Every structure is written in C-alpha cells, then in structure tokens.
Amino acid sequence: MGKLFDFPLSVTDVISKLPLKTVASSFFSLVFYSIRSMLVKPKVENTETVLLGNYGKILYEIFFKSYIEQVWGIPPANFSPDFARQRIPRMNFLEIMERFVKYFSRSKTEKMDTEQFVEKTEGDIFTTRRGFSMIAERIMSQIESLGGTVRLNTSAKQLNIADNRIESIKTSIGKIEEIVECDHVISTLPLGVLVKLAYPAPPKEVQEAAARLKYRATVFVGTVVRRKPVLPASFMYYREISFNRIMDLGYFGIHIKPESATI
C-alpha cells in the first residue's frame, strides 16, 4: 500500500488512505460482521472470530491476518480470543456510532472514555532512563545487598530433582562445572529446554508435550542515528518485510549518547 496508518486503526485513516471502493466494501463488511457477531455466536471463539466481529472481513484481512501470522507463526484462528481482546482495540460498527454520538454530545471539558479502545496490559508498566538494563542492574544490586551472588556468563546444565523439587543445579562457566544447592528455583528458560535439563527425566508424556510447544525467538538490532527523532512515530509496524517493527527510543526520554542521537 505504501502508506502509514495509525494504531489503533482510526476511521479517518481508513476513509482517507484506502481506495474508495475498498472503503465502501469495508463499511458494509464491518456492518455485516458486527451484527452477525451479536446474533450468532461461533462454536469455537478465537482471535479470528473476535477480529472479524470488530473490524469486518476486509479490514481484518488487510491489517491483521497476515501480520499476526508473520509475527507469531500461528494463524489467528489458532489464537485464544483473549489475545485479540487484550492487545487489539475494538472498532466495530455500533461502537463507532456510539463514539460519534458521545463526541458531539459531550461537554468541551469532559474527557473521552478510552476503555476498550487502547491496548490492555496486565499490571503496571515501568521504564527507566537507561532502558531495561537498569532494571536488571537494580535487581542484581538488591540480591547482592541481601547476601546473594549473581553469576554472569553461567550456563545451567542439569536440574537435579528429588522429592518433587529441584534440590541442586549443575552449572558451568566454560569447562568448569559446579553443583549449586538451592532452596527455590525461578526459571525463565523455555519449557522445552527446562524439561530436557531435568534429572531424572520426567515421564514420557511430559517430554512429548514439551516437544510440541512452539515459541518465537526475538532478535533486537540497535542502530545509533546522530539525530532525533528519526521516525514519524515511536513505533512503526510492517507486514510485508523480514522484520515486523521499528521503534525510535528518542520518543521515550531514555539517556542516549551522544545526546543528539537516537537508537
């Protein structure tokens, strides 16, 4: 398409940037699927059924279907409906009409209700002037202040289990191996890897279930640009190229050196 669209998807963008024929088709598709979603409940609800009800088939296929599958490697029909409800704001026909009525009937000082129209997140969101690394450093500092030790560049090789709990971990730094006794274990390993490290090995059905799990690796590439901001928005999403998102850290108040640069 070669055009930038706001996210959450706005009615103004759809009308002004899509071909007129597509806009008309999208409108009738949106009305049809919005009404159908209220009258006919799907036998199995998933992300696809939710987005069809919220956007109609045409907008769903243009903006969401291929993007979700590209990023996650799973078609929307295989995703839980909560994925769409929590991460993708709604834009169905009746709600658009409701928003227009509220906008023109509200007083000038009354705030617009944005519930259900912005991405939901669980819990509070925190950031720092130095990005995520400062959070990790603060956690390490608190562990050390309580007498703990943080081992960097150390690999977990084996989780030794007894009485249904992990009693020790075999670790290695290069060729040096060590058994570390432990009272508790908090693991951030992929479950498939965690099961493979367990000793003795868990039952066969557990191993087979872990082997069937799928996950997506994330690769971050940072480029320092000696001016800011570079992008017209803090985040830009792409559907048809090898990467799916570019972000400009200059929008987030993070300390970047040199000061006139962004990442």
C-alpha atoms as a PDB file:
ATOM      1  CA  MET A   1       0.000   0.000   0.000  1.00  0.00           C
ATOM      2  CA  GLY A   2       2.924   2.312   0.714  1.00  0.00           C
ATOM      3  CA  LYS A   3       1.007   4.358   3.330  1.00  0.00           C
ATOM      4  CA  LEU A   4       1.253   4.742   7.104  1.00  0.00           C
ATOM      5  CA  PHE A   5      -1.816   4.039   9.232  1.00  0.00           C
ATOM      6  CA  ASP A   6      -2.338   4.952  12.893  1.00  0.00           C
ATOM      7  CA  PHE A   7      -2.675   2.226  15.504  1.00  0.00           C
ATOM      8  CA  PRO A   8      -5.248   1.828  16.966  1.00  0.00           C
ATOM      9  CA  LEU A   9      -6.761   1.864  13.486  1.00  0.00           C
ATOM     10  CA  SER A  10      -8.776   5.041  13.004  1.00  0.00           C
ATOM     11  CA  VAL A  11     -11.866   5.627  10.898  1.00  0.00           C
ATOM     12  CA  THR A  12     -10.236   8.762   9.437  1.00  0.00           C
ATOM     13  CA  ASP A  13      -7.244   6.797   8.170  1.00  0.00           C
ATOM     14  CA  VAL A  14      -9.419   4.093   6.650  1.00  0.00           C
ATOM     15  CA  ILE A  15     -11.537   6.646   4.779  1.00  0.00           C
ATOM     16  CA  SER A  16      -8.704   8.904   3.601  1.00  0.00           C
ATOM     17  CA  LYS A  17      -5.975   6.375   2.743  1.00  0.00           C
ATOM     18  CA  LEU A  18      -7.749   3.339   1.293  1.00  0.00           C
ATOM     19  CA  PRO A  19      -9.231   3.293  -2.237  1.00  0.00           C
ATOM     20  CA  LEU A  20     -12.857   4.438  -2.300  1.00  0.00           C
ATOM     21  CA  LYS A  21     -14.076   1.016  -3.464  1.00  0.00           C
ATOM     22  CA  THR A  22     -12.223  -0.665  -0.586  1.00  0.00           C
ATOM     23  CA  VAL A  23     -13.649   1.853   1.908  1.00  0.00           C
ATOM     24  CA  ALA A  24     -17.214   1.131   0.750  1.00  0.00           C
ATOM     25  CA  SER A  25     -16.664  -2.633   0.837  1.00  0.00           C
ATOM     26  CA  SER A  26     -15.051  -2.358   4.273  1.00  0.00           C
ATOM     27  CA  PHE A  27     -18.012  -0.431   5.647  1.00  0.00           C
ATOM     28  CA  PHE A  28     -20.596  -2.991   4.533  1.00  0.00           C
ATOM     29  CA  SER A  29     -18.334  -5.835   5.700  1.00  0.00           C
ATOM     30  CA  LEU A  30     -17.941  -4.147   9.096  1.00  0.00           C
ATOM     31  CA  VAL A  31     -21.697  -3.670   9.494  1.00  0.00           C
ATOM     32  CA  PHE A  32     -22.440  -7.254   8.440  1.00  0.00           C
ATOM     33  CA  TYR A  33     -19.883  -8.913  10.725  1.00  0.00           C
ATOM     34  CA  SER A  34     -20.674  -6.615  13.675  1.00  0.00           C
ATOM     35  CA  ILE A  35     -24.347  -7.543  13.553  1.00  0.00           C
ATOM     36  CA  ARG A  36     -23.621 -11.220  12.883  1.00  0.00           C
ATOM     37  CA  SER A  37     -21.268 -11.409  15.890  1.00  0.00           C
ATOM     38  CA  MET A  38     -24.115 -10.203  18.131  1.00  0.00           C
ATOM     39  CA  LEU A  39     -26.733 -12.577  16.708  1.00  0.00           C
ATOM     40  CA  VAL A  40     -24.676 -15.711  16.005  1.00  0.00           C
ATOM     41  CA  LYS A  41     -22.079 -16.941  18.483  1.00  0.00           C
ATOM     42  CA  PRO A  42     -19.285 -19.047  16.933  1.00  0.00           C
ATOM     43  CA  LYS A  43     -18.965 -22.656  18.071  1.00  0.00           C
ATOM     44  CA  VAL A  44     -15.297 -22.035  18.854  1.00  0.00           C
ATOM     45  CA  GLU A  45     -14.259 -18.479  19.626  1.00  0.00           C
ATOM     46  CA  ASN A  46     -10.729 -17.404  18.723  1.00  0.00           C
ATOM     47  CA  THR A  47      -8.767 -14.305  17.727  1.00  0.00           C
ATOM     48  CA  GLU A  48     -10.062 -14.511  14.139  1.00  0.00           C
ATOM     49  CA  THR A  49     -13.739 -14.577  15.153  1.00  0.00           C
ATOM     50  CA  VAL A  50     -13.200 -11.640  17.533  1.00  0.00           C
ATOM     51  CA  LEU A  51     -11.413  -9.514  14.922  1.00  0.00           C
ATOM     52  CA  LEU A  52     -13.988 -10.334  12.248  1.00  0.00           C
ATOM     53  CA  GLY A  53     -16.723  -9.095  14.588  1.00  0.00           C
ATOM     54  CA  ASN A  54     -14.759  -5.957  15.466  1.00  0.00           C
ATOM     55  CA  TYR A  55     -13.424  -4.984  12.025  1.00  0.00           C
ATOM     56  CA  GLY A  56     -15.216  -6.973   9.328  1.00  0.00           C
ATOM     57  CA  LYS A  57     -13.529  -9.358   6.907  1.00  0.00           C
ATOM     58  CA  ILE A  58     -11.890  -6.807   4.600  1.00  0.00           C
ATOM     59  CA  LEU A  59     -10.139  -4.699   7.271  1.00  0.00           C
ATOM     60  CA  TYR A  60      -9.225  -7.869   9.156  1.00  0.00           C
ATOM     61  CA  GLU A  61      -7.501  -9.350   6.123  1.00  0.00           C
ATOM     62  CA  ILE A  62      -5.755  -6.088   5.188  1.00  0.00           C
ATOM     63  CA  PHE A  63      -4.377  -5.132   8.609  1.00  0.00           C
ATOM     64  CA  PHE A  64      -4.344  -8.113  10.945  1.00  0.00           C
ATOM     65  CA  LYS A  65      -4.473 -11.607   9.470  1.00  0.00           C
ATOM     66  CA  SER A  66      -1.102 -11.750   7.686  1.00  0.00           C
ATOM     67  CA  TYR A  67       0.660  -9.583  10.292  1.00  0.00           C
ATOM     68  CA  ILE A  68      -0.287 -11.824  13.220  1.00  0.00           C
ATOM     69  CA  GLU A  69       0.823 -14.947  11.364  1.00  0.00           C
ATOM     70  CA  GLN A  70       4.099 -13.305  10.287  1.00  0.00           C
ATOM     71  CA  VAL A  71       4.996 -12.218  13.826  1.00  0.00           C
ATOM     72  CA  TRP A  72       3.843 -15.276  15.760  1.00  0.00           C
ATOM     73  CA  GLY A  73       3.981 -18.038  13.155  1.00  0.00           C
ATOM     74  CA  ILE A  74       0.436 -19.068  14.084  1.00  0.00           C
ATOM     75  CA  PRO A  75      -2.770 -18.158  12.186  1.00  0.00           C
ATOM     76  CA  PRO A  76      -5.260 -16.012  14.152  1.00  0.00           C
ATOM     77  CA  ALA A  77      -7.777 -18.879  14.086  1.00  0.00           C
ATOM     78  CA  ASN A  78      -5.426 -20.811  16.419  1.00  0.00           C
ATOM     79  CA  PHE A  79      -5.082 -17.986  18.952  1.00  0.00           C
ATOM     80  CA  SER A  80      -7.126 -17.570  22.116  1.00  0.00           C
ATOM     81  CA  PRO A  81      -9.825 -14.860  21.822  1.00  0.00           C
ATOM     82  CA  ASP A  82      -8.172 -13.106  24.779  1.00  0.00           C
ATOM     83  CA  PHE A  83      -5.213 -12.245  22.529  1.00  0.00           C
ATOM     84  CA  ALA A  84      -7.406 -10.017  20.363  1.00  0.00           C
ATOM     85  CA  ARG A  85      -9.444  -8.625  23.257  1.00  0.00           C
ATOM     86  CA  GLN A  86      -6.397  -7.593  25.293  1.00  0.00           C
ATOM     87  CA  ARG A  87      -3.979  -6.471  22.574  1.00  0.00           C
ATOM     88  CA  ILE A  88      -6.079  -5.090  19.705  1.00  0.00           C
ATOM     89  CA  PRO A  89      -8.563  -2.257  20.391  1.00  0.00           C
ATOM     90  CA  ARG A  90     -12.098  -2.720  19.104  1.00  0.00           C
ATOM     91  CA  MET A  91     -13.600  -0.831  16.167  1.00  0.00           C
ATOM     92  CA  ASN A  92     -16.968  -2.351  15.377  1.00  0.00           C
ATOM     93  CA  PHE A  93     -19.865  -0.565  13.710  1.00  0.00           C
ATOM     94  CA  LEU A  94     -22.109   0.043  16.717  1.00  0.00           C
ATOM     95  CA  GLU A  95     -19.224   1.313  18.821  1.00  0.00           C
ATOM     96  CA  ILE A  96     -18.155   3.715  16.062  1.00  0.00           C
ATOM     97  CA  MET A  97     -21.679   5.162  16.034  1.00  0.00           C
ATOM     98  CA  GLU A  98     -21.633   5.347  19.834  1.00  0.00           C
ATOM     99  CA  ARG A  99     -18.316   7.209  19.811  1.00  0.00           C
ATOM    100  CA  PHE A 100     -19.629   9.765  17.314  1.00  0.00           C
ATOM    101  CA  VAL A 101     -22.710  10.392  19.479  1.00  0.00           C
ATOM    102  CA  LYS A 102     -20.593  10.729  22.649  1.00  0.00           C
ATOM    103  CA  TYR A 103     -18.130  13.042  20.914  1.00  0.00           C
ATOM    104  CA  PHE A 104     -20.732  15.513  19.700  1.00  0.00           C
ATOM    105  CA  SER A 105     -22.928  15.359  22.821  1.00  0.00           C
ATOM    106  CA  ARG A 106     -20.201  15.679  25.485  1.00  0.00           C
ATOM    107  CA  SER A 107     -19.209  18.978  27.069  1.00  0.00           C
ATOM    108  CA  LYS A 108     -15.898  20.517  25.991  1.00  0.00           C
ATOM    109  CA  THR A 109     -14.302  19.750  29.361  1.00  0.00           C
ATOM    110  CA  GLU A 110     -15.499  16.149  29.578  1.00  0.00           C
ATOM    111  CA  LYS A 111     -12.845  13.516  28.908  1.00  0.00           C
ATOM    112  CA  MET A 112     -13.455  10.863  26.271  1.00  0.00           C
ATOM    113  CA  ASP A 113     -13.726   7.308  27.610  1.00  0.00           C
ATOM    114  CA  THR A 114     -10.898   5.261  26.043  1.00  0.00           C
ATOM    115  CA  GLU A 115     -11.805   1.933  27.693  1.00  0.00           C
ATOM    116  CA  GLN A 116     -11.718  -0.878  25.111  1.00  0.00           C
ATOM    117  CA  PHE A 117     -10.084   1.401  22.522  1.00  0.00           C
ATOM    118  CA  VAL A 118      -6.461   1.185  23.678  1.00  0.00           C
ATOM    119  CA  GLU A 119      -4.234  -1.834  24.143  1.00  0.00           C
ATOM    120  CA  LYS A 120      -4.643  -3.502  27.526  1.00  0.00           C
ATOM    121  CA  THR A 121      -1.729  -4.629  29.654  1.00  0.00           C
ATOM    122  CA  GLU A 122      -1.728  -6.514  32.921  1.00  0.00           C
ATOM    123  CA  GLY A 123      -0.211  -4.710  35.904  1.00  0.00           C
ATOM    124  CA  ASP A 124       1.870  -1.532  35.934  1.00  0.00           C
ATOM    125  CA  ILE A 125       4.372  -0.514  33.255  1.00  0.00           C
ATOM    126  CA  PHE A 126       7.799   0.675  34.363  1.00  0.00           C
ATOM    127  CA  THR A 127      10.737   2.035  32.395  1.00  0.00           C
ATOM    128  CA  THR A 128      13.991   3.789  33.215  1.00  0.00           C
ATOM    129  CA  ARG A 129      16.201   6.452  31.700  1.00  0.00           C
ATOM    130  CA  ARG A 130      18.689   3.732  30.725  1.00  0.00           C
ATOM    131  CA  GLY A 131      16.218   1.195  29.386  1.00  0.00           C
ATOM    132  CA  PHE A 132      15.772  -2.388  30.574  1.00  0.00           C
ATOM    133  CA  SER A 133      19.426  -2.844  31.575  1.00  0.00           C
ATOM    134  CA  MET A 134      18.912  -0.573  34.582  1.00  0.00           C
ATOM    135  CA  ILE A 135      16.078  -2.803  35.834  1.00  0.00           C
ATOM    136  CA  ALA A 136      18.357  -5.856  35.639  1.00  0.00           C
ATOM    137  CA  GLU A 137      21.153  -3.964  37.400  1.00  0.00           C
ATOM    138  CA  ARG A 138      18.804  -2.883  40.191  1.00  0.00           C
ATOM    139  CA  ILE A 139      17.622  -6.487  40.716  1.00  0.00           C
ATOM    140  CA  MET A 140      21.252  -7.625  40.864  1.00  0.00           C
ATOM    141  CA  SER A 141      22.095  -4.877  43.359  1.00  0.00           C
ATOM    142  CA  GLN A 142      19.257  -5.906  45.686  1.00  0.00           C
ATOM    143  CA  ILE A 143      20.242  -9.579  45.502  1.00  0.00           C
ATOM    144  CA  GLU A 144      23.817  -8.731  46.427  1.00  0.00           C
ATOM    145  CA  SER A 145      22.732  -6.405  49.255  1.00  0.00           C
ATOM    146  CA  LEU A 146      20.881  -9.376  50.799  1.00  0.00           C
ATOM    147  CA  GLY A 147      23.986 -11.548  50.646  1.00  0.00           C
ATOM    148  CA  GLY A 148      23.240 -13.268  47.352  1.00  0.00           C
ATOM    149  CA  THR A 149      25.565 -13.852  44.409  1.00  0.00           C
ATOM    150  CA  VAL A 150      24.848 -13.142  40.759  1.00  0.00           C
ATOM    151  CA  ARG A 151      26.776 -15.400  38.369  1.00  0.00           C
ATOM    152  CA  LEU A 152      27.210 -13.941  34.912  1.00  0.00           C
ATOM    153  CA  ASN A 153      28.119 -15.979  31.793  1.00  0.00           C
ATOM    154  CA  THR A 154      26.997 -19.138  33.598  1.00  0.00           C
ATOM    155  CA  SER A 155      25.004 -21.936  31.935  1.00  0.00           C
ATOM    156  CA  ALA A 156      22.555 -24.298  33.619  1.00  0.00           C
ATOM    157  CA  LYS A 157      23.445 -27.845  32.526  1.00  0.00           C
ATOM    158  CA  GLN A 158      21.219 -30.032  34.698  1.00  0.00           C
ATOM    159  CA  LEU A 159      18.391 -29.650  37.205  1.00  0.00           C
ATOM    160  CA  ASN A 160      18.653 -32.340  39.870  1.00  0.00           C
ATOM    161  CA  ILE A 161      15.223 -33.326  41.196  1.00  0.00           C
ATOM    162  CA  ALA A 162      14.400 -35.176  44.420  1.00  0.00           C
ATOM    163  CA  ASP A 163      11.100 -35.434  46.296  1.00  0.00           C
ATOM    164  CA  ASN A 164       9.321 -33.464  43.515  1.00  0.00           C
ATOM    165  CA  ARG A 165      11.550 -30.406  43.873  1.00  0.00           C
ATOM    166  CA  ILE A 166      14.801 -29.134  42.373  1.00  0.00           C
ATOM    167  CA  GLU A 167      17.443 -29.579  45.058  1.00  0.00           C
ATOM    168  CA  SER A 168      20.503 -28.549  43.036  1.00  0.00           C
ATOM    169  CA  ILE A 169      21.634 -27.249  39.667  1.00  0.00           C
ATOM    170  CA  LYS A 170      24.722 -28.256  37.719  1.00  0.00           C
ATOM    171  CA  THR A 171      26.220 -25.098  36.233  1.00  0.00           C
ATOM    172  CA  SER A 172      29.199 -24.395  34.031  1.00  0.00           C
ATOM    173  CA  ILE A 173      31.447 -21.466  33.207  1.00  0.00           C
ATOM    174  CA  GLY A 174      33.419 -22.590  30.196  1.00  0.00           C
ATOM    175  CA  LYS A 175      34.848 -26.009  31.105  1.00  0.00           C
ATOM    176  CA  ILE A 176      34.400 -25.522  34.850  1.00  0.00           C
ATOM    177  CA  GLU A 177      31.326 -27.278  36.281  1.00  0.00           C
ATOM    178  CA  GLU A 178      29.798 -26.858  39.733  1.00  0.00           C
ATOM    179  CA  ILE A 179      26.823 -28.217  41.669  1.00  0.00           C
ATOM    180  CA  VAL A 180      24.837 -25.407  43.325  1.00  0.00           C
ATOM    181  CA  GLU A 181      22.463 -26.395  46.157  1.00  0.00           C
ATOM    182  CA  CYS A 182      19.195 -24.432  46.184  1.00  0.00           C
ATOM    183  CA  ASP A 183      16.027 -23.957  48.203  1.00  0.00           C
ATOM    184  CA  HIS A 184      13.978 -22.432  45.381  1.00  0.00           C
ATOM    185  CA  VAL A 185      14.306 -22.109  41.599  1.00  0.00           C
ATOM    186  CA  ILE A 186      12.758 -19.424  39.408  1.00  0.00           C
ATOM    187  CA  SER A 187      13.228 -20.399  35.771  1.00  0.00           C
ATOM    188  CA  THR A 188      12.932 -18.194  32.688  1.00  0.00           C
ATOM    189  CA  LEU A 189      14.040 -20.997  30.346  1.00  0.00           C
ATOM    190  CA  PRO A 190      11.721 -22.112  27.537  1.00  0.00           C
ATOM    191  CA  LEU A 191       9.677 -25.045  28.888  1.00  0.00           C
ATOM    192  CA  GLY A 192      11.049 -27.356  26.203  1.00  0.00           C
ATOM    193  CA  VAL A 193      14.611 -26.668  27.381  1.00  0.00           C
ATOM    194  CA  LEU A 194      13.642 -26.891  31.049  1.00  0.00           C
ATOM    195  CA  VAL A 195      12.220 -30.403  30.602  1.00  0.00           C
ATOM    196  CA  LYS A 196      15.371 -31.570  28.791  1.00  0.00           C
ATOM    197  CA  LEU A 197      17.577 -30.384  31.681  1.00  0.00           C
ATOM    198  CA  ALA A 198      15.556 -32.213  34.345  1.00  0.00           C
ATOM    199  CA  TYR A 199      17.250 -35.236  36.009  1.00  0.00           C
ATOM    200  CA  PRO A 200      15.920 -37.800  36.363  1.00  0.00           C
ATOM    201  CA  ALA A 201      13.946 -37.262  33.174  1.00  0.00           C
ATOM    202  CA  PRO A 202      10.206 -36.631  33.592  1.00  0.00           C
ATOM    203  CA  PRO A 203       7.605 -39.121  32.267  1.00  0.00           C
ATOM    204  CA  LYS A 204       7.495 -39.707  28.516  1.00  0.00           C
ATOM    205  CA  GLU A 205       4.160 -37.901  28.085  1.00  0.00           C
ATOM    206  CA  VAL A 206       5.643 -34.770  29.704  1.00  0.00           C
ATOM    207  CA  GLN A 207       8.632 -34.870  27.351  1.00  0.00           C
ATOM    208  CA  GLU A 208       6.366 -35.316  24.331  1.00  0.00           C
ATOM    209  CA  ALA A 209       4.101 -32.451  25.416  1.00  0.00           C
ATOM    210  CA  ALA A 210       7.123 -30.160  25.913  1.00  0.00           C
ATOM    211  CA  ALA A 211       8.485 -31.107  22.477  1.00  0.00           C
ATOM    212  CA  ARG A 212       5.201 -29.995  20.880  1.00  0.00           C
ATOM    213  CA  LEU A 213       5.382 -26.492  22.365  1.00  0.00           C
ATOM    214  CA  LYS A 214       6.222 -23.699  19.931  1.00  0.00           C
ATOM    215  CA  TYR A 215       7.802 -20.350  20.685  1.00  0.00           C
ATOM    216  CA  ARG A 216       9.177 -17.416  18.719  1.00  0.00           C
ATOM    217  CA  ALA A 217      12.654 -16.028  19.264  1.00  0.00           C
ATOM    218  CA  THR A 218      13.024 -12.249  19.283  1.00  0.00           C
ATOM    219  CA  VAL A 219      16.048 -10.520  17.769  1.00  0.00           C
ATOM    220  CA  PHE A 220      16.763  -6.860  18.579  1.00  0.00           C
ATOM    221  CA  VAL A 221      19.073  -4.826  16.326  1.00  0.00           C
ATOM    222  CA  GLY A 222      20.039  -1.332  17.517  1.00  0.00           C
ATOM    223  CA  THR A 223      21.374   1.401  15.256  1.00  0.00           C
ATOM    224  CA  VAL A 224      22.612   4.725  16.637  1.00  0.00           C
ATOM    225  CA  VAL A 225      21.480   7.601  14.434  1.00  0.00           C
ATOM    226  CA  ARG A 226      23.004  11.015  15.076  1.00  0.00           C
ATOM    227  CA  ARG A 227      19.772  12.962  15.027  1.00  0.00           C
ATOM    228  CA  LYS A 228      16.366  12.628  16.694  1.00  0.00           C
ATOM    229  CA  PRO A 229      13.650  11.835  16.239  1.00  0.00           C
ATOM    230  CA  VAL A 230      14.098   9.798  13.076  1.00  0.00           C
ATOM    231  CA  LEU A 231      10.697   8.109  12.733  1.00  0.00           C
ATOM    232  CA  PRO A 232       7.361   9.932  12.432  1.00  0.00           C
ATOM    233  CA  ALA A 233       6.072   7.843  15.393  1.00  0.00           C
ATOM    234  CA  SER A 234       7.532   5.962  18.361  1.00  0.00           C
ATOM    235  CA  PHE A 235       6.568   2.578  16.858  1.00  0.00           C
ATOM    236  CA  MET A 236       6.122   1.597  13.218  1.00  0.00           C
ATOM    237  CA  TYR A 237       4.779  -1.839  12.255  1.00  0.00           C
ATOM    238  CA  TYR A 238       5.412  -3.597   8.947  1.00  0.00           C
ATOM    239  CA  ARG A 239       3.529  -6.509   7.390  1.00  0.00           C
ATOM    240  CA  GLU A 240       5.378  -7.483   4.228  1.00  0.00           C
ATOM    241  CA  ILE A 241       9.118  -7.407   5.008  1.00  0.00           C
ATOM    242  CA  SER A 242      11.511  -9.557   7.046  1.00  0.00           C
ATOM    243  CA  PHE A 243      11.163  -7.528  10.273  1.00  0.00           C
ATOM    244  CA  ASN A 244       7.886  -6.508  11.861  1.00  0.00           C
ATOM    245  CA  ARG A 245       8.582  -3.392  13.943  1.00  0.00           C
ATOM    246  CA  ILE A 246      10.887  -0.380  14.249  1.00  0.00           C
ATOM    247  CA  MET A 247      10.931   1.763  17.374  1.00  0.00           C
ATOM    248  CA  ASP A 248      12.569   5.140  17.972  1.00  0.00           C
ATOM    249  CA  LEU A 249      13.880   5.354  21.553  1.00  0.00           C
ATOM    250  CA  GLY A 250      14.184   9.133  21.192  1.00  0.00           C
ATOM    251  CA  TYR A 251      10.452   9.341  21.997  1.00  0.00           C
ATOM    252  CA  PHE A 252      10.854   7.675  25.413  1.00  0.00           C
ATOM    253  CA  GLY A 253      13.227  10.026  27.246  1.00  0.00           C
ATOM    254  CA  ILE A 254      15.951   7.375  27.547  1.00  0.00           C
ATOM    255  CA  HIS A 255      19.521   8.631  28.037  1.00  0.00           C
ATOM    256  CA  ILE A 256      21.364   8.064  24.751  1.00  0.00           C
ATOM    257  CA  LYS A 257      24.948   9.009  23.979  1.00  0.00           C
ATOM    258  CA  PRO A 258      25.661  11.267  22.234  1.00  0.00           C
ATOM    259  CA  GLU A 259      22.728  13.345  23.453  1.00  0.00           C
ATOM    260  CA  SER A 260      21.802  14.450  19.943  1.00  0.00           C
ATOM    261  CA  ALA A 261      21.329  10.837  18.791  1.00  0.00           C
ATOM    262  CA  THR A 262      18.611   8.200  18.972  1.00  0.00           C
ATOM    263  CA  ILE A 263      18.501   4.425  18.703  1.00  0.00           C
END
